[in-house]
PDB file of N, CA and C in Angstrom:
ATOM      1  N   MET A   1       0.821  -1.263   0.030  1.00  0.00           N
ATOM      2  CA  MET A   1       0.146   0.000  -0.104  1.00  0.00           C
ATOM      3  C   MET A   1       0.903   1.265   0.228  1.00  0.00           C
ATOM      4  N   GLN A   2       0.548   2.005  -0.852  1.00  0.00           N
ATOM      5  CA  GLN A   2       1.544   3.405  -1.028  1.00  0.00           C
ATOM      6  C   GLN A   2       0.788   4.245  -0.022  1.00  0.00           C
ATOM      7  N   THR A   3       1.700   5.106   0.667  1.00  0.00           N
ATOM      8  CA  THR A   3       1.286   6.448   1.226  1.00  0.00           C
ATOM      9  C   THR A   3       1.167   7.534   0.528  1.00  0.00           C
ATOM     10  N   ARG A   4       0.370   8.476   0.841  1.00  0.00           N
ATOM     11  CA  ARG A   4       0.611   9.986  -0.043  1.00  0.00           C
ATOM     12  C   ARG A   4       1.514  10.486   0.583  1.00  0.00           C
ATOM     13  N   ASN A   5       2.322  11.507  -0.121  1.00  0.00           N
ATOM     14  CA  ASN A   5       3.300  12.354   0.122  1.00  0.00           C
ATOM     15  C   ASN A   5       2.956  13.685  -0.349  1.00  0.00           C
ATOM     16  N   PRO A   6       2.291  14.428   0.691  1.00  0.00           N
ATOM     17  CA  PRO A   6       1.883  15.714   0.017  1.00  0.00           C
ATOM     18  C   PRO A   6       2.654  16.528  -0.719  1.00  0.00           C
ATOM     19  N   LYS A   7       3.923  16.772  -0.377  1.00  0.00           N
ATOM     20  CA  LYS A   7       4.948  17.377  -1.392  1.00  0.00           C
ATOM     21  C   LYS A   7       4.894  17.126  -2.836  1.00  0.00           C
ATOM     22  N   ASN A   8       4.786  15.666  -2.938  1.00  0.00           N
ATOM     23  CA  ASN A   8       4.880  15.184  -4.394  1.00  0.00           C
ATOM     24  C   ASN A   8       3.456  15.176  -5.125  1.00  0.00           C
ATOM     25  N   ARG A   9       2.411  15.784  -4.546  1.00  0.00           N
ATOM     26  CA  ARG A   9       1.189  15.990  -4.975  1.00  0.00           C
ATOM     27  C   ARG A   9       1.069  17.132  -5.908  1.00  0.00           C
ATOM     28  N   ARG A  10       0.578  17.092  -7.056  1.00  0.00           N
ATOM     29  CA  ARG A  10       0.280  18.094  -7.853  1.00  0.00           C
ATOM     30  C   ARG A  10      -0.966  18.676  -7.898  1.00  0.00           C
ATOM     31  N   LEU A  11      -1.043  20.006  -7.471  1.00  0.00           N
ATOM     32  CA  LEU A  11      -2.204  20.593  -7.503  1.00  0.00           C
ATOM     33  C   LEU A  11      -2.936  21.082  -8.865  1.00  0.00           C
ATOM     34  N   SER A  12      -4.156  21.084  -8.934  1.00  0.00           N
ATOM     35  CA  SER A  12      -4.748  21.576 -10.074  1.00  0.00           C
ATOM     36  C   SER A  12      -4.985  23.106 -10.290  1.00  0.00           C
ATOM     37  N   TYR A  13      -4.981  23.731  -8.944  1.00  0.00           N
ATOM     38  CA  TYR A  13      -5.239  25.203  -8.681  1.00  0.00           C
ATOM     39  C   TYR A  13      -3.890  25.863  -8.302  1.00  0.00           C
ATOM     40  N   ARG A  14      -3.660  27.035  -8.474  1.00  0.00           N
ATOM     41  CA  ARG A  14      -2.452  27.925  -7.805  1.00  0.00           C
ATOM     42  C   ARG A  14      -2.934  28.263  -6.440  1.00  0.00           C
ATOM     43  N   LEU A  15      -3.131  27.506  -5.657  1.00  0.00           N
ATOM     44  CA  LEU A  15      -3.451  27.701  -4.028  1.00  0.00           C
ATOM     45  C   LEU A  15      -2.668  28.751  -3.474  1.00  0.00           C
ATOM     46  N   ASP A  16      -1.234  28.790  -3.971  1.00  0.00           N
ATOM     47  CA  ASP A  16      -0.315  29.363  -3.340  1.00  0.00           C
ATOM     48  C   ASP A  16      -0.538  31.019  -3.481  1.00  0.00           C
ATOM     49  N   LEU A  17      -1.411  31.320  -4.344  1.00  0.00           N
ATOM     50  CA  LEU A  17      -1.856  32.795  -4.789  1.00  0.00           C
ATOM     51  C   LEU A  17      -2.738  32.959  -3.830  1.00  0.00           C
ATOM     52  N   LEU A  18      -3.462  32.417  -2.952  1.00  0.00           N
ATOM     53  CA  LEU A  18      -4.186  32.984  -2.008  1.00  0.00           C
ATOM     54  C   LEU A  18      -3.678  33.421  -0.932  1.00  0.00           C
ATOM     55  N   PRO A  19      -4.348  34.480  -0.373  1.00  0.00           N
ATOM     56  CA  PRO A  19      -3.749  35.275   0.840  1.00  0.00           C
ATOM     57  C   PRO A  19      -3.925  34.266   2.220  1.00  0.00           C
ATOM     58  N   VAL A  20      -2.758  34.148   2.913  1.00  0.00           N
ATOM     59  CA  VAL A  20      -3.047  33.524   4.045  1.00  0.00           C
ATOM     60  C   VAL A  20      -3.507  34.746   4.964  1.00  0.00           C
ATOM     61  N   ILE A  21      -4.732  34.054   5.715  1.00  0.00           N
ATOM     62  CA  ILE A  21      -5.345  34.739   7.012  1.00  0.00           C
ATOM     63  C   ILE A  21      -5.561  34.146   7.969  1.00  0.00           C
ATOM     64  N   LEU A  22      -5.092  34.567   9.026  1.00  0.00           N
ATOM     65  CA  LEU A  22      -5.203  34.038  10.505  1.00  0.00           C
ATOM     66  C   LEU A  22      -6.564  34.150  11.041  1.00  0.00           C
ATOM     67  N   PRO A  23      -6.982  33.169  11.834  1.00  0.00           N
ATOM     68  CA  PRO A  23      -8.424  33.280  12.289  1.00  0.00           C
ATOM     69  C   PRO A  23      -8.611  34.505  13.354  1.00  0.00           C
ATOM     70  N   TYR A  24      -7.790  35.085  13.936  1.00  0.00           N
ATOM     71  CA  TYR A  24      -8.299  36.174  14.525  1.00  0.00           C
ATOM     72  C   TYR A  24      -8.077  37.839  13.748  1.00  0.00           C
ATOM     73  N   HIS A  25      -7.695  37.583  12.466  1.00  0.00           N
ATOM     74  CA  HIS A  25      -7.445  38.788  11.840  1.00  0.00           C
ATOM     75  C   HIS A  25      -8.990  39.291  11.254  1.00  0.00           C
ATOM     76  N   ARG A  26      -9.082  40.516  11.349  1.00  0.00           N
ATOM     77  CA  ARG A  26     -10.353  41.280  11.140  1.00  0.00           C
ATOM     78  C   ARG A  26     -10.848  40.488   9.812  1.00  0.00           C
ATOM     79  N   ARG A  27     -10.143  40.120   8.683  1.00  0.00           N
ATOM     80  CA  ARG A  27     -10.678  39.678   7.642  1.00  0.00           C
ATOM     81  C   ARG A  27     -11.418  38.309   7.677  1.00  0.00           C
ATOM     82  N   ALA A  28     -10.952  37.671   8.795  1.00  0.00           N
ATOM     83  CA  ALA A  28     -11.468  36.434   9.246  1.00  0.00           C
ATOM     84  C   ALA A  28     -13.063  36.378   9.752  1.00  0.00           C
ATOM     85  N   GLU A  29     -13.299  37.550   9.823  1.00  0.00           N
ATOM     86  CA  GLU A  29     -14.804  37.658  10.567  1.00  0.00           C
ATOM     87  C   GLU A  29     -16.099  37.703   9.166  1.00  0.00           C
ATOM     88  N   ASN A  30     -16.223  36.648   8.590  1.00  0.00           N
ATOM     89  CA  ASN A  30     -16.990  36.362   7.481  1.00  0.00           C
ATOM     90  C   ASN A  30     -18.294  35.556   7.709  1.00  0.00           C
ATOM     91  N   ARG A  31     -19.262  36.228   7.095  1.00  0.00           N
ATOM     92  CA  ARG A  31     -20.545  35.415   6.933  1.00  0.00           C
ATOM     93  C   ARG A  31     -20.514  34.330   5.722  1.00  0.00           C
ATOM     94  N   VAL A  32     -20.605  33.262   5.965  1.00  0.00           N
ATOM     95  CA  VAL A  32     -20.825  32.245   4.998  1.00  0.00           C
ATOM     96  C   VAL A  32     -22.026  31.540   5.159  1.00  0.00           C
ATOM     97  N   GLN A  33     -22.480  30.869   3.811  1.00  0.00           N
ATOM     98  CA  GLN A  33     -23.662  30.427   3.809  1.00  0.00           C
ATOM     99  C   GLN A  33     -23.432  29.178   2.963  1.00  0.00           C
ATOM    100  N   PRO A  34     -24.453  28.117   3.135  1.00  0.00           N
ATOM    101  CA  PRO A  34     -24.233  26.923   2.261  1.00  0.00           C
ATOM    102  C   PRO A  34     -24.357  27.434   0.416  1.00  0.00           C
ATOM    103  N   GLY A  35     -23.184  26.659  -0.162  1.00  0.00           N
ATOM    104  CA  GLY A  35     -23.095  27.103  -1.502  1.00  0.00           C
ATOM    105  C   GLY A  35     -21.915  28.078  -1.713  1.00  0.00           C
ATOM    106  N   ASP A  36     -21.450  28.599  -0.645  1.00  0.00           N
ATOM    107  CA  ASP A  36     -20.618  29.578  -0.770  1.00  0.00           C
ATOM    108  C   ASP A  36     -19.141  28.856  -0.950  1.00  0.00           C
ATOM    109  N   LEU A  37     -18.020  29.363  -1.934  1.00  0.00           N
ATOM    110  CA  LEU A  37     -16.892  28.858  -1.972  1.00  0.00           C
ATOM    111  C   LEU A  37     -15.885  29.477  -1.191  1.00  0.00           C
ATOM    112  N   VAL A  38     -15.006  28.648  -0.404  1.00  0.00           N
ATOM    113  CA  VAL A  38     -14.215  29.167   0.926  1.00  0.00           C
ATOM    114  C   VAL A  38     -13.169  28.241   0.735  1.00  0.00           C
ATOM    115  N   TYR A  39     -11.913  29.053   1.377  1.00  0.00           N
ATOM    116  CA  TYR A  39     -10.738  28.188   1.833  1.00  0.00           C
ATOM    117  C   TYR A  39     -10.368  28.294   3.151  1.00  0.00           C
ATOM    118  N   TYR A  40      -9.405  27.341   3.610  1.00  0.00           N
ATOM    119  CA  TYR A  40      -8.937  27.577   4.833  1.00  0.00           C
ATOM    120  C   TYR A  40      -8.044  28.504   4.921  1.00  0.00           C
ATOM    121  N   GLY A  41      -8.115  29.798   5.699  1.00  0.00           N
ATOM    122  CA  GLY A  41      -7.313  30.706   5.746  1.00  0.00           C
ATOM    123  C   GLY A  41      -6.066  30.795   6.070  1.00  0.00           C
ATOM    124  N   PRO A  42      -5.575  30.012   7.060  1.00  0.00           N
ATOM    125  CA  PRO A  42      -4.280  29.739   7.744  1.00  0.00           C
ATOM    126  C   PRO A  42      -3.365  28.965   6.611  1.00  0.00           C
ATOM    127  N   CYS A  43      -3.615  27.910   6.006  1.00  0.00           N
ATOM    128  CA  CYS A  43      -2.934  27.181   5.198  1.00  0.00           C
ATOM    129  C   CYS A  43      -3.845  26.875   3.734  1.00  0.00           C
ATOM    130  N   PRO A  44      -4.122  27.773   2.759  1.00  0.00           N
ATOM    131  CA  PRO A  44      -4.916  27.312   1.964  1.00  0.00           C
ATOM    132  C   PRO A  44      -4.500  26.017   1.082  1.00  0.00           C
ATOM    133  N   GLU A  45      -3.118  25.971   0.761  1.00  0.00           N
ATOM    134  CA  GLU A  45      -2.743  24.903  -0.093  1.00  0.00           C
ATOM    135  C   GLU A  45      -2.837  23.568   0.609  1.00  0.00           C
ATOM    136  N   TYR A  46      -3.139  23.229   1.815  1.00  0.00           N
ATOM    137  CA  TYR A  46      -3.223  21.965   2.366  1.00  0.00           C
ATOM    138  C   TYR A  46      -4.658  21.878   2.292  1.00  0.00           C
ATOM    139  N   TYR A  47      -5.542  22.444   2.549  1.00  0.00           N
ATOM    140  CA  TYR A  47      -7.056  22.048   2.330  1.00  0.00           C
ATOM    141  C   TYR A  47      -7.801  22.196   0.863  1.00  0.00           C
ATOM    142  N   GLY A  48      -7.286  23.250   0.231  1.00  0.00           N
ATOM    143  CA  GLY A  48      -7.794  23.615  -0.974  1.00  0.00           C
ATOM    144  C   GLY A  48      -8.866  24.471  -0.854  1.00  0.00           C
ATOM    145  N   ILE A  49      -9.793  24.313  -2.073  1.00  0.00           N
ATOM    146  CA  ILE A  49     -11.064  25.431  -2.289  1.00  0.00           C
ATOM    147  C   ILE A  49     -12.096  24.254  -1.898  1.00  0.00           C
ATOM    148  N   GLY A  50     -13.166  24.734  -1.221  1.00  0.00           N
ATOM    149  CA  GLY A  50     -14.158  24.029  -0.967  1.00  0.00           C
ATOM    150  C   GLY A  50     -15.668  24.676  -0.753  1.00  0.00           C
ATOM    151  N   GLU A  51     -16.650  23.889  -0.656  1.00  0.00           N
ATOM    152  CA  GLU A  51     -18.133  24.548  -0.888  1.00  0.00           C
ATOM    153  C   GLU A  51     -18.802  24.206   0.519  1.00  0.00           C
ATOM    154  N   VAL A  52     -19.219  25.120   1.141  1.00  0.00           N
ATOM    155  CA  VAL A  52     -19.786  25.170   2.322  1.00  0.00           C
ATOM    156  C   VAL A  52     -21.188  24.211   1.935  1.00  0.00           C
ATOM    157  N   VAL A  53     -21.425  23.094   2.612  1.00  0.00           N
ATOM    158  CA  VAL A  53     -22.650  22.182   2.441  1.00  0.00           C
ATOM    159  C   VAL A  53     -23.685  22.313   3.470  1.00  0.00           C
ATOM    160  N   GLY A  54     -23.108  23.027   4.646  1.00  0.00           N
ATOM    161  CA  GLY A  54     -23.976  22.963   5.962  1.00  0.00           C
ATOM    162  C   GLY A  54     -23.219  23.529   7.133  1.00  0.00           C
ATOM    163  N   GLY A  55     -23.961  23.786   8.188  1.00  0.00           N
ATOM    164  CA  GLY A  55     -23.265  24.301   9.247  1.00  0.00           C
ATOM    165  C   GLY A  55     -24.350  24.723  10.416  1.00  0.00           C
ATOM    166  N   GLU A  56     -23.782  25.008  11.362  1.00  0.00           N
ATOM    167  CA  GLU A  56     -24.548  25.369  12.623  1.00  0.00           C
ATOM    168  C   GLU A  56     -23.672  26.219  13.539  1.00  0.00           C
ATOM    169  N   ASP A  57     -24.357  27.395  14.100  1.00  0.00           N
ATOM    170  CA  ASP A  57     -23.722  28.230  15.278  1.00  0.00           C
ATOM    171  C   ASP A  57     -22.301  28.657  14.413  1.00  0.00           C
ATOM    172  N   ASN A  58     -21.105  28.347  14.986  1.00  0.00           N
ATOM    173  CA  ASN A  58     -19.883  28.732  14.608  1.00  0.00           C
ATOM    174  C   ASN A  58     -19.270  27.805  13.797  1.00  0.00           C
ATOM    175  N   TYR A  59     -19.987  26.693  13.190  1.00  0.00           N
ATOM    176  CA  TYR A  59     -19.093  25.784  12.606  1.00  0.00           C
ATOM    177  C   TYR A  59     -19.677  25.346  11.305  1.00  0.00           C
ATOM    178  N   CYS A  60     -19.058  24.881  10.111  1.00  0.00           N
ATOM    179  CA  CYS A  60     -19.301  24.871   8.786  1.00  0.00           C
ATOM    180  C   CYS A  60     -19.026  23.470   8.411  1.00  0.00           C
ATOM    181  N   ILE A  61     -19.692  22.609   7.743  1.00  0.00           N
ATOM    182  CA  ILE A  61     -19.295  21.528   6.922  1.00  0.00           C
ATOM    183  C   ILE A  61     -18.765  22.074   5.518  1.00  0.00           C
ATOM    184  N   VAL A  62     -17.644  21.682   5.131  1.00  0.00           N
ATOM    185  CA  VAL A  62     -17.172  22.043   3.786  1.00  0.00           C
ATOM    186  C   VAL A  62     -16.668  20.717   2.991  1.00  0.00           C
ATOM    187  N   ASP A  63     -17.166  20.866   1.711  1.00  0.00           N
ATOM    188  CA  ASP A  63     -16.567  19.882   0.951  1.00  0.00           C
ATOM    189  C   ASP A  63     -15.445  20.409   0.124  1.00  0.00           C
ATOM    190  N   PHE A  64     -14.042  20.001   0.456  1.00  0.00           N
ATOM    191  CA  PHE A  64     -13.158  20.240  -0.226  1.00  0.00           C
ATOM    192  C   PHE A  64     -12.920  19.557  -1.598  1.00  0.00           C
ATOM    193  N   ARG A  65     -13.428  18.269  -1.728  1.00  0.00           N
ATOM    194  CA  ARG A  65     -13.115  17.444  -2.873  1.00  0.00           C
ATOM    195  C   ARG A  65     -11.855  16.930  -3.413  1.00  0.00           C
ATOM    196  N   GLY A  66     -11.113  17.127  -2.231  1.00  0.00           N
ATOM    197  CA  GLY A  66      -9.655  16.692  -2.320  1.00  0.00           C
ATOM    198  C   GLY A  66      -8.850  17.863  -3.177  1.00  0.00           C
ATOM    199  N   THR A  67      -9.038  19.068  -3.166  1.00  0.00           N
ATOM    200  CA  THR A  67      -8.464  20.063  -4.044  1.00  0.00           C
ATOM    201  C   THR A  67      -6.927  20.436  -3.510  1.00  0.00           C
ATOM    202  N   GLY A  68      -6.861  20.123  -2.179  1.00  0.00           N
ATOM    203  CA  GLY A  68      -5.608  20.669  -1.528  1.00  0.00           C
ATOM    204  C   GLY A  68      -4.494  19.435  -1.411  1.00  0.00           C
ATOM    205  N   LEU A  69      -3.283  19.650  -0.928  1.00  0.00           N
ATOM    206  CA  LEU A  69      -2.341  18.736  -0.697  1.00  0.00           C
ATOM    207  C   LEU A  69      -2.533  17.588   0.103  1.00  0.00           C
ATOM    208  N   LEU A  70      -3.589  17.916   1.043  1.00  0.00           N
ATOM    209  CA  LEU A  70      -3.901  16.604   1.930  1.00  0.00           C
ATOM    210  C   LEU A  70      -4.954  15.682   1.503  1.00  0.00           C
ATOM    211  N   GLY A  71      -5.640  16.185   0.296  1.00  0.00           N
ATOM    212  CA  GLY A  71      -6.747  15.476  -0.350  1.00  0.00           C
ATOM    213  C   GLY A  71      -7.826  15.325   0.531  1.00  0.00           C
ATOM    214  N   ILE A  72      -8.265  16.172   1.570  1.00  0.00           N
ATOM    215  CA  ILE A  72      -9.239  16.105   2.222  1.00  0.00           C
ATOM    216  C   ILE A  72     -10.503  16.421   1.322  1.00  0.00           C
ATOM    217  N   GLN A  73     -11.579  15.471   1.816  1.00  0.00           N
ATOM    218  CA  GLN A  73     -12.887  15.556   1.224  1.00  0.00           C
ATOM    219  C   GLN A  73     -13.761  16.233   1.881  1.00  0.00           C
ATOM    220  N   LYS A  74     -14.224  16.121   3.150  1.00  0.00           N
ATOM    221  CA  LYS A  74     -15.113  17.086   3.973  1.00  0.00           C
ATOM    222  C   LYS A  74     -14.456  16.936   5.329  1.00  0.00           C
ATOM    223  N   ASP A  75     -14.739  18.130   5.923  1.00  0.00           N
ATOM    224  CA  ASP A  75     -14.508  18.684   7.007  1.00  0.00           C
ATOM    225  C   ASP A  75     -15.368  19.580   7.851  1.00  0.00           C
ATOM    226  N   VAL A  76     -15.215  19.541   9.046  1.00  0.00           N
ATOM    227  CA  VAL A  76     -15.985  20.552   9.932  1.00  0.00           C
ATOM    228  C   VAL A  76     -14.924  21.655  10.543  1.00  0.00           C
ATOM    229  N   LEU A  77     -15.295  22.788  10.140  1.00  0.00           N
ATOM    230  CA  LEU A  77     -14.511  23.862  10.754  1.00  0.00           C
ATOM    231  C   LEU A  77     -15.286  25.126  11.289  1.00  0.00           C
ATOM    232  N   GLN A  78     -14.372  25.714  12.085  1.00  0.00           N
ATOM    233  CA  GLN A  78     -15.159  26.878  12.644  1.00  0.00           C
ATOM    234  C   GLN A  78     -15.073  27.874  11.562  1.00  0.00           C
ATOM    235  N   LYS A  79     -16.224  28.761  11.704  1.00  0.00           N
ATOM    236  CA  LYS A  79     -16.015  29.933  10.538  1.00  0.00           C
ATOM    237  C   LYS A  79     -15.117  30.889  10.579  1.00  0.00           C
ATOM    238  N   LYS A  80     -14.519  31.023  11.753  1.00  0.00           N
ATOM    239  CA  LYS A  80     -13.321  32.160  11.765  1.00  0.00           C
ATOM    240  C   LYS A  80     -12.200  31.762  10.850  1.00  0.00           C
ATOM    241  N   TYR A  81     -12.059  30.160  10.529  1.00  0.00           N
ATOM    242  CA  TYR A  81     -10.822  29.638   9.970  1.00  0.00           C
ATOM    243  C   TYR A  81     -11.079  29.695   8.442  1.00  0.00           C
ATOM    244  N   LEU A  82     -12.284  30.139   7.757  1.00  0.00           N
ATOM    245  CA  LEU A  82     -13.138  29.909   6.549  1.00  0.00           C
ATOM    246  C   LEU A  82     -12.886  31.371   5.785  1.00  0.00           C
ATOM    247  N   ILE A  83     -12.307  31.461   4.664  1.00  0.00           N
ATOM    248  CA  ILE A  83     -12.247  32.624   3.821  1.00  0.00           C
ATOM    249  C   ILE A  83     -13.127  32.649   2.668  1.00  0.00           C
ATOM    250  N   PRO A  84     -14.193  33.413   2.410  1.00  0.00           N
ATOM    251  CA  PRO A  84     -15.112  33.108   1.061  1.00  0.00           C
ATOM    252  C   PRO A  84     -14.382  33.701   0.037  1.00  0.00           C
ATOM    253  N   ILE A  85     -14.414  33.123  -0.863  1.00  0.00           N
ATOM    254  CA  ILE A  85     -13.765  33.532  -2.352  1.00  0.00           C
ATOM    255  C   ILE A  85     -14.843  34.398  -3.240  1.00  0.00           C
ATOM    256  N   HIS A  86     -14.669  35.520  -3.314  1.00  0.00           N
ATOM    257  CA  HIS A  86     -15.550  36.396  -4.035  1.00  0.00           C
ATOM    258  C   HIS A  86     -14.658  37.001  -5.178  1.00  0.00           C
ATOM    259  N   LYS A  87     -15.217  37.414  -6.136  1.00  0.00           N
ATOM    260  CA  LYS A  87     -14.534  38.150  -7.360  1.00  0.00           C
ATOM    261  C   LYS A  87     -14.089  39.281  -7.195  1.00  0.00           C
ATOM    262  N   LEU A  88     -14.761  40.085  -6.129  1.00  0.00           N
ATOM    263  CA  LEU A  88     -14.216  41.505  -5.701  1.00  0.00           C
ATOM    264  C   LEU A  88     -12.673  41.223  -5.182  1.00  0.00           C
ATOM    265  N   ASN A  89     -12.569  40.116  -3.974  1.00  0.00           N
ATOM    266  CA  ASN A  89     -11.316  40.234  -3.346  1.00  0.00           C
ATOM    267  C   ASN A  89     -10.429  39.767  -3.897  1.00  0.00           C
ATOM    268  N   LEU A  90     -10.694  38.683  -4.874  1.00  0.00           N
ATOM    269  CA  LEU A  90      -9.773  38.068  -5.654  1.00  0.00           C
ATOM    270  C   LEU A  90      -9.523  38.472  -7.191  1.00  0.00           C
ATOM    271  N   SER A  91     -10.048  39.503  -7.585  1.00  0.00           N
ATOM    272  CA  SER A  91     -10.103  39.860  -8.905  1.00  0.00           C
ATOM    273  C   SER A  91      -8.575  40.281  -9.449  1.00  0.00           C
ATOM    274  N   HIS A  92      -7.509  40.582  -8.725  1.00  0.00           N
ATOM    275  CA  HIS A  92      -6.291  40.705  -9.276  1.00  0.00           C
ATOM    276  C   HIS A  92      -5.638  39.397  -9.548  1.00  0.00           C
ATOM    277  N   LEU A  93      -6.300  38.133  -9.063  1.00  0.00           N
ATOM    278  CA  LEU A  93      -5.666  36.966  -9.442  1.00  0.00           C
ATOM    279  C   LEU A  93      -6.567  36.200 -10.413  1.00  0.00           C
ATOM    280  N   LEU A  94      -7.505  36.663 -10.993  1.00  0.00           N
ATOM    281  CA  LEU A  94      -8.400  36.164 -11.931  1.00  0.00           C
ATOM    282  C   LEU A  94      -8.016  36.671 -13.221  1.00  0.00           C
ATOM    283  N   LYS A  95      -7.820  35.744 -14.595  1.00  0.00           N
ATOM    284  CA  LYS A  95      -7.605  36.418 -15.707  1.00  0.00           C
ATOM    285  C   LYS A  95      -8.625  37.006 -16.375  1.00  0.00           C
ATOM    286  N   SER A  96      -8.336  38.232 -17.062  1.00  0.00           N
ATOM    287  CA  SER A  96      -9.596  38.738 -17.602  1.00  0.00           C
ATOM    288  C   SER A  96      -9.565  38.449 -19.044  1.00  0.00           C
ATOM    289  N   THR A  97     -10.976  38.089 -19.538  1.00  0.00           N
ATOM    290  CA  THR A  97     -11.206  37.375 -20.954  1.00  0.00           C
ATOM    291  C   THR A  97     -11.614  38.313 -21.815  1.00  0.00           C
TER     292      THR A  97
END
């Protein structure tokens, strides 16, 4: 049985371009709701980009679909660790067509 080495895994996305945002930074206070695309602020490349599929109080269930280095599918995280991906805050990273 082979073990996965996160350093050898090739990502489909340039997650290294996402800004790192720590949980107690003012940008970490976000309202997220089901259907929002989010990333794990402290280490975007490890978890990847995911969709909020549910939540309650200060916690959200996020479906990452294995987009990060760790290959995580779903996880429950506190909202203060999740940063929503909006066109406005990442427009400088998006290609213009």
